[in-house]
């Protein structure tokens, strides 16, 4: 009977040690799950920032293309105005020189 009691005590001690080990593992899993959730949230946030930046970049590239078109058109208008001004100035100079 003493041996049986001793065996029961040893088995219960082993069960306690095993329970403590499982409990520590559960704490470790919960900690790792928390880190995983934080990492997933950070990654999702960073992906959103990338998406937002890509949208702003596309908008800026479209605006740049429009601005370039306007610059080409305004250069053409400037050149035409310069030619007309030069011609008008030449006519005025010629009119002043005539008696």
Protein backbone atom coordinates (compact mmCIF):
# COMPACT_ATOMS: atom_id res chain seq x y z
CA UNK A 1 0.00 0.00 0.00
CA UNK A 2 2.89 2.33 0.75
CA UNK A 3 4.34 1.66 -2.68
CA UNK A 4 0.99 2.42 -4.28
CA UNK A 5 0.77 5.71 -2.39
CA UNK A 6 4.31 6.59 -3.38
CA UNK A 7 3.50 5.85 -7.02
CA UNK A 8 0.41 8.08 -6.80
CA UNK A 9 2.45 10.91 -5.29
CA UNK A 10 5.08 10.61 -8.02
CA UNK A 11 2.44 10.53 -10.74
CA UNK A 12 0.67 13.57 -9.32
CA UNK A 13 3.99 15.45 -9.15
CA UNK A 14 4.66 14.58 -12.75
CA UNK A 15 1.19 15.82 -13.68
CA UNK A 16 1.83 19.09 -11.84
CA UNK A 17 5.13 19.58 -13.66
CA UNK A 18 3.44 18.80 -16.94
CA UNK A 19 0.61 21.25 -16.15
CA UNK A 20 3.13 24.00 -15.38
CA UNK A 21 4.93 23.29 -18.66
CA UNK A 22 1.65 23.45 -20.62
CA UNK A 23 0.71 26.67 -18.86
CA UNK A 24 4.07 28.22 -19.75
CA UNK A 25 3.62 27.11 -23.34
CA UNK A 26 0.15 28.67 -23.43
CA UNK A 27 1.61 31.96 -22.19
CA UNK A 28 4.27 31.72 -24.90
CA UNK A 29 1.64 31.07 -27.56
CA UNK A 30 -0.45 34.03 -26.39
CA UNK A 31 2.61 36.28 -26.46
CA UNK A 32 3.50 35.08 -29.96
CA UNK A 33 -0.12 35.57 -31.11
CA UNK A 34 -0.02 39.14 -29.82
CA UNK A 35 3.21 39.78 -31.72
CA UNK A 36 1.68 38.23 -34.84
CA UNK A 37 -1.39 40.46 -34.61
CA UNK A 38 0.77 43.56 -34.15
CA UNK A 39 2.95 42.58 -37.11
CA UNK A 40 -0.11 41.92 -39.29
CA UNK A 41 -1.63 45.30 -38.35
CA UNK A 42 1.66 47.09 -39.06
CA UNK A 43 2.01 45.32 -42.41
CA UNK A 44 -1.58 46.16 -43.37
CA UNK A 45 -0.96 49.80 -42.42
CA UNK A 46 2.25 49.89 -44.47
CA UNK A 47 0.48 48.37 -47.48
CA UNK A 48 -2.16 51.10 -47.20
CA UNK A 49 0.58 53.74 -47.10
CA UNK A 50 2.12 52.22 -50.23
CA UNK A 51 -1.25 52.25 -51.97
CA UNK A 52 -1.86 55.87 -50.97
CA UNK A 53 1.63 56.88 -52.14
CA UNK A 54 1.14 55.10 -55.47
CA UNK A 55 -2.16 56.96 -55.96
CA UNK A 56 -0.53 60.31 -55.16
CA UNK A 57 2.35 59.46 -57.51
CA UNK A 58 -0.04 58.56 -60.34
CA UNK A 59 -1.97 61.81 -59.76
CA UNK A 60 1.29 63.78 -59.75
CA UNK A 61 2.46 62.08 -62.96
CA UNK A 62 -0.85 62.93 -64.64
CA UNK A 63 -0.57 66.53 -63.46
CA UNK A 64 3.01 66.66 -64.73
CA UNK A 65 1.90 65.47 -68.16
CA UNK A 66 -0.81 68.15 -68.25
CA UNK A 67 1.66 70.82 -67.11
CA UNK A 68 4.10 69.77 -69.83
CA UNK A 69 1.34 70.03 -72.45
CA UNK A 70 0.45 73.50 -71.18
CA UNK A 71 4.14 74.52 -71.28
CA UNK A 72 4.42 73.37 -74.91
CA UNK A 73 1.26 75.27 -75.84
CA UNK A 74 2.37 78.41 -74.00
CA UNK A 75 5.80 78.22 -75.69
CA UNK A 76 4.07 78.12 -79.06
CA UNK A 77 1.93 81.14 -78.10
CA UNK A 78 5.03 82.96 -76.83
CA UNK A 79 6.91 82.31 -80.07
CA UNK A 80 3.91 83.50 -82.14
CA UNK A 81 3.52 86.63 -79.98
CA UNK A 82 7.25 87.34 -80.27
CA UNK A 83 7.07 87.08 -84.07
CA UNK A 84 4.03 89.42 -84.18
CA UNK A 85 5.73 91.88 -81.82
CA UNK A 86 8.92 91.89 -83.86
CA UNK A 87 6.96 92.44 -87.06
CA UNK A 88 4.92 95.23 -85.47
CA UNK A 89 8.09 96.88 -84.12
CA UNK A 90 9.71 96.67 -87.56
CA UNK A 91 6.66 98.31 -89.15
CA UNK A 92 6.72 101.08 -86.52
CA UNK A 93 10.43 101.67 -87.04
CA UNK A 94 9.89 101.78 -90.78
CA UNK A 95 7.02 104.27 -90.34
CA UNK A 96 9.24 106.55 -88.24
CA UNK A 97 11.98 106.48 -90.85
CA UNK A 98 9.72 107.49 -93.73
CA UNK A 99 9.49 111.20 -94.50
